[in-house]
């Protein structure tokens, strides 16, 4: 990192007290700068596209599109941005999904502030960082298995744009609404919709929602 350069950080959390607290902590570091905030998933993707942050700190539990889904779409929106999941959720399934989605870091909100600083610097450098509380044997084993990539099926077989369309479908958005959000024509959106339905072999909104819940892309306990 060049002398004097500050790591540009985007904070994504629906709680103002968390956003304000992180801003104070991070801006107090000589090599860090909070360049923006987002309160929910769609806003996070838009801010990532326009601000091109070096690092994003993303909560999992947010209204609408959750942090895991946002993370899986960042590669399309801001491919150079590094992701740290910053959450209260300690479940192994969330850690695995976060890493699979492309996050380099996973930090608990109960972590000391110094751990957050180390995570930002480590991830900015292109290396993985997991809070000690979640870096257990099962997670280590999962990380070691990433070199053997199985054939992609289901949700994992979708392209990044198809994943976003799928999430919008689960949210109940109409073709017109999706076209406006994605800046695409309705005809193009319909092609993506058809592709999603074909790849997942799911034809009703109810079944799509159940599927999204089952694979952890949306989860009822994320909105408690």
Protein backbone atom coordinates (compact mmCIF):
# COMPACT_ATOMS: atom_id res chain seq x y z
CA UNK A 1 0.00 0.00 0.00
CA UNK A 2 1.33 3.43 -0.96
CA UNK A 3 2.39 5.76 1.83
CA UNK A 4 -0.51 7.96 2.84
CA UNK A 5 -3.12 5.80 1.12
CA UNK A 6 -6.26 5.09 3.14
CA UNK A 7 -8.25 1.88 2.76
CA UNK A 8 -11.65 2.96 1.47
CA UNK A 9 -14.43 1.20 3.37
CA UNK A 10 -18.18 0.87 2.75
CA UNK A 11 -20.26 -0.09 5.81
CA UNK A 12 -23.48 -2.04 5.21
CA UNK A 13 -25.79 -2.42 8.22
CA UNK A 14 -29.42 -1.53 8.87
CA UNK A 15 -28.69 -0.24 12.39
CA UNK A 16 -27.54 3.39 12.63
CA UNK A 17 -25.72 2.79 15.92
CA UNK A 18 -23.54 0.14 14.25
CA UNK A 19 -22.82 2.35 11.23
CA UNK A 20 -21.93 5.32 13.43
CA UNK A 21 -19.79 3.22 15.74
CA UNK A 22 -17.81 1.70 12.89
CA UNK A 23 -17.33 5.11 11.31
CA UNK A 24 -15.78 6.46 14.52
CA UNK A 25 -13.56 3.42 15.00
CA UNK A 26 -12.37 3.10 11.42
CA UNK A 27 -11.88 6.79 10.67
CA UNK A 28 -9.70 7.00 13.77
CA UNK A 29 -7.20 4.69 12.07
CA UNK A 30 -4.50 6.49 10.11
CA UNK A 31 -4.82 4.12 7.14
CA UNK A 32 -8.63 3.78 6.94
CA UNK A 33 -11.52 5.89 5.70
CA UNK A 34 -15.27 5.16 5.64
CA UNK A 35 -16.45 6.43 2.25
CA UNK A 36 -20.11 5.47 2.51
CA UNK A 37 -22.95 3.54 4.11
CA UNK A 38 -25.83 1.35 3.01
CA UNK A 39 -28.84 0.22 5.01
CA UNK A 40 -29.95 -2.74 2.87
CA UNK A 41 -28.84 -5.02 0.08
CA UNK A 42 -29.92 -3.19 -3.06
CA UNK A 43 -28.48 0.08 -1.76
CA UNK A 44 -25.24 -1.75 -0.93
CA UNK A 45 -24.87 -3.00 -4.51
CA UNK A 46 -25.53 0.48 -5.90
CA UNK A 47 -23.04 2.11 -3.50
CA UNK A 48 -20.43 -0.53 -4.35
CA UNK A 49 -20.91 0.20 -8.04
CA UNK A 50 -20.55 3.96 -7.67
CA UNK A 51 -17.98 4.23 -4.85
CA UNK A 52 -15.70 1.27 -5.68
CA UNK A 53 -14.61 0.71 -2.07
CA UNK A 54 -11.55 -1.37 -1.27
CA UNK A 55 -13.36 -3.21 1.53
CA UNK A 56 -17.01 -3.69 2.47
CA UNK A 57 -18.14 -4.59 5.98
CA UNK A 58 -21.52 -6.30 5.50
CA UNK A 59 -24.02 -7.49 8.09
CA UNK A 60 -25.93 -10.69 7.32
CA UNK A 61 -29.35 -9.78 8.74
CA UNK A 62 -30.87 -6.93 6.75
CA UNK A 63 -34.30 -6.17 5.28
CA UNK A 64 -34.83 -7.66 1.83
CA UNK A 65 -31.63 -9.00 0.34
CA UNK A 66 -29.38 -10.26 3.13
CA UNK A 67 -25.62 -9.90 3.39
CA UNK A 68 -24.84 -13.37 2.05
CA UNK A 69 -26.80 -12.66 -1.10
CA UNK A 70 -25.15 -9.25 -1.49
CA UNK A 71 -21.73 -10.85 -1.16
CA UNK A 72 -22.47 -13.34 -3.93
CA UNK A 73 -23.35 -10.46 -6.27
CA UNK A 74 -20.46 -8.11 -5.50
CA UNK A 75 -18.17 -9.86 -7.99
CA UNK A 76 -20.34 -8.49 -10.79
CA UNK A 77 -20.94 -5.06 -9.27
CA UNK A 78 -17.48 -4.30 -7.87
CA UNK A 79 -15.10 -7.20 -8.61
CA UNK A 80 -12.06 -5.57 -6.96
CA UNK A 81 -13.84 -5.01 -3.65
CA UNK A 82 -12.95 -7.30 -0.72
CA UNK A 83 -15.79 -8.44 1.55
CA UNK A 84 -15.89 -8.89 5.33
CA UNK A 85 -19.06 -10.30 6.87
CA UNK A 86 -19.64 -8.45 10.15
CA UNK A 87 -22.36 -10.20 12.11
CA UNK A 88 -23.73 -11.63 15.35
CA UNK A 89 -24.33 -14.98 13.64
CA UNK A 90 -21.81 -17.65 14.58
CA UNK A 91 -23.43 -20.63 12.84
CA UNK A 92 -21.05 -22.77 10.81
CA UNK A 93 -23.51 -22.75 7.91
CA UNK A 94 -23.30 -18.96 7.64
CA UNK A 95 -19.50 -19.00 7.72
CA UNK A 96 -19.41 -21.60 4.95
CA UNK A 97 -21.97 -19.74 2.84
CA UNK A 98 -20.09 -16.46 3.28
CA UNK A 99 -16.80 -17.94 2.12
CA UNK A 100 -18.48 -19.76 -0.75
CA UNK A 101 -20.13 -16.50 -1.80
CA UNK A 102 -16.73 -14.80 -1.99
CA UNK A 103 -16.17 -13.16 1.40
CA UNK A 104 -12.54 -13.05 2.53
CA UNK A 105 -13.37 -12.12 6.11
CA UNK A 106 -15.86 -13.13 8.78
CA UNK A 107 -15.87 -11.07 11.99
CA UNK A 108 -18.28 -11.25 14.91
CA UNK A 109 -19.83 -8.07 16.29
CA UNK A 110 -18.69 -9.19 19.73
CA UNK A 111 -15.04 -8.98 18.58
CA UNK A 112 -12.70 -6.34 20.03
CA UNK A 113 -12.09 -3.31 17.82
CA UNK A 114 -8.47 -4.31 17.18
CA UNK A 115 -9.72 -7.50 15.55
CA UNK A 116 -11.80 -5.44 13.11
CA UNK A 117 -8.74 -3.37 12.16
CA UNK A 118 -6.64 -6.48 11.58
CA UNK A 119 -9.44 -8.01 9.49
CA UNK A 120 -9.68 -4.92 7.26
CA UNK A 121 -5.93 -4.77 6.67
CA UNK A 122 -5.67 -8.53 6.10
CA UNK A 123 -8.56 -8.69 3.64
CA UNK A 124 -7.37 -5.55 1.85
CA UNK A 125 -4.13 -7.43 1.27
CA UNK A 126 -6.04 -10.27 -0.37
CA UNK A 127 -5.81 -12.74 2.51
CA UNK A 128 -8.54 -14.45 4.50
CA UNK A 129 -9.41 -13.49 8.06
CA UNK A 130 -11.82 -15.33 10.38
CA UNK A 131 -12.60 -14.40 13.96
CA UNK A 132 -10.91 -16.90 16.30
CA UNK A 133 -14.32 -17.84 17.70
CA UNK A 134 -15.46 -19.21 14.33
CA UNK A 135 -12.18 -20.63 13.05
CA UNK A 136 -12.66 -24.14 14.34
CA UNK A 137 -11.73 -27.50 12.84
CA UNK A 138 -14.89 -27.78 10.75
CA UNK A 139 -14.30 -24.41 9.11
CA UNK A 140 -10.64 -25.24 8.47
CA UNK A 141 -11.68 -28.49 6.83
CA UNK A 142 -14.19 -26.65 4.67
CA UNK A 143 -11.56 -24.14 3.51
CA UNK A 144 -9.17 -26.96 2.60
CA UNK A 145 -11.86 -28.54 0.44
CA UNK A 146 -12.25 -25.45 -1.75
CA UNK A 147 -9.48 -26.63 -4.08
CA UNK A 148 -11.77 -29.48 -5.14
CA UNK A 149 -14.72 -27.78 -6.77
CA UNK A 150 -17.75 -29.98 -7.41
CA UNK A 151 -20.03 -29.53 -10.38
CA UNK A 152 -22.26 -26.54 -9.75
CA UNK A 153 -25.93 -27.35 -9.31
CA UNK A 154 -29.02 -25.45 -8.21
CA UNK A 155 -28.40 -21.89 -7.02
CA UNK A 156 -24.64 -22.25 -7.53
CA UNK A 157 -25.22 -22.95 -11.23
CA UNK A 158 -26.79 -19.52 -11.75
CA UNK A 159 -24.77 -16.65 -13.17
CA UNK A 160 -24.32 -13.56 -10.99
CA UNK A 161 -27.07 -11.74 -12.89
CA UNK A 162 -29.37 -14.77 -12.66
CA UNK A 163 -28.78 -14.90 -8.90
CA UNK A 164 -29.88 -11.30 -8.58
CA UNK A 165 -32.97 -11.95 -10.69
CA UNK A 166 -33.75 -15.00 -8.54
CA UNK A 167 -33.53 -12.91 -5.35
CA UNK A 168 -35.77 -10.25 -6.85
CA UNK A 169 -38.25 -12.96 -7.88
CA UNK A 170 -38.28 -14.28 -4.30
CA UNK A 171 -38.96 -10.73 -3.10
CA UNK A 172 -42.02 -10.72 -5.36
CA UNK A 173 -40.79 -8.06 -7.77
CA UNK A 174 -42.57 -7.78 -11.11
CA UNK A 175 -40.74 -7.94 -14.43
CA UNK A 176 -41.10 -4.17 -14.78
CA UNK A 177 -39.74 -3.55 -11.28
CA UNK A 178 -36.79 -5.87 -11.89
CA UNK A 179 -36.04 -4.16 -15.19
CA UNK A 180 -35.87 -0.79 -13.42
CA UNK A 181 -33.66 -2.10 -10.59
CA UNK A 182 -31.27 -3.91 -12.93
CA UNK A 183 -31.35 -1.25 -15.68
CA UNK A 184 -32.38 -3.87 -18.23
CA UNK A 185 -35.24 -4.17 -20.70
CA UNK A 186 -38.29 -6.21 -19.60
CA UNK A 187 -37.57 -8.62 -22.47
CA UNK A 188 -34.05 -9.28 -21.15
CA UNK A 189 -35.37 -9.76 -17.62
CA UNK A 190 -37.86 -12.32 -18.91
CA UNK A 191 -34.98 -14.26 -20.50
CA UNK A 192 -33.18 -14.32 -17.15
CA UNK A 193 -36.38 -15.38 -15.38
CA UNK A 194 -36.85 -18.26 -17.79
CA UNK A 195 -33.23 -19.32 -17.35
CA UNK A 196 -33.57 -19.28 -13.54
CA UNK A 197 -36.75 -21.36 -13.66
CA UNK A 198 -35.15 -23.84 -16.06
CA UNK A 199 -31.92 -24.26 -14.07
CA UNK A 200 -33.66 -24.59 -10.71
CA UNK A 201 -36.67 -26.49 -12.08
CA UNK A 202 -38.88 -24.48 -9.72
CA UNK A 203 -42.00 -22.93 -11.17
CA UNK A 204 -43.90 -21.24 -8.33
CA UNK A 205 -43.00 -18.30 -6.09
CA UNK A 206 -43.92 -20.29 -2.98
CA UNK A 207 -41.54 -23.10 -3.92
CA UNK A 208 -38.80 -20.60 -4.80
CA UNK A 209 -39.16 -18.97 -1.40
CA UNK A 210 -39.00 -22.35 0.32
CA UNK A 211 -35.88 -23.19 -1.69
CA UNK A 212 -34.22 -19.87 -0.82
CA UNK A 213 -34.94 -20.50 2.87
CA UNK A 214 -33.62 -24.05 2.67
CA UNK A 215 -30.25 -23.08 1.15
CA UNK A 216 -29.85 -20.11 3.49
CA UNK A 217 -30.07 -17.27 0.97
CA UNK A 218 -32.96 -15.94 3.03
CA UNK A 219 -33.65 -17.07 6.56
CA UNK A 220 -36.48 -16.15 8.90
CA UNK A 221 -34.16 -15.88 11.90
CA UNK A 222 -32.07 -13.26 10.12
CA UNK A 223 -34.80 -10.68 10.61
CA UNK A 224 -35.47 -11.14 14.32
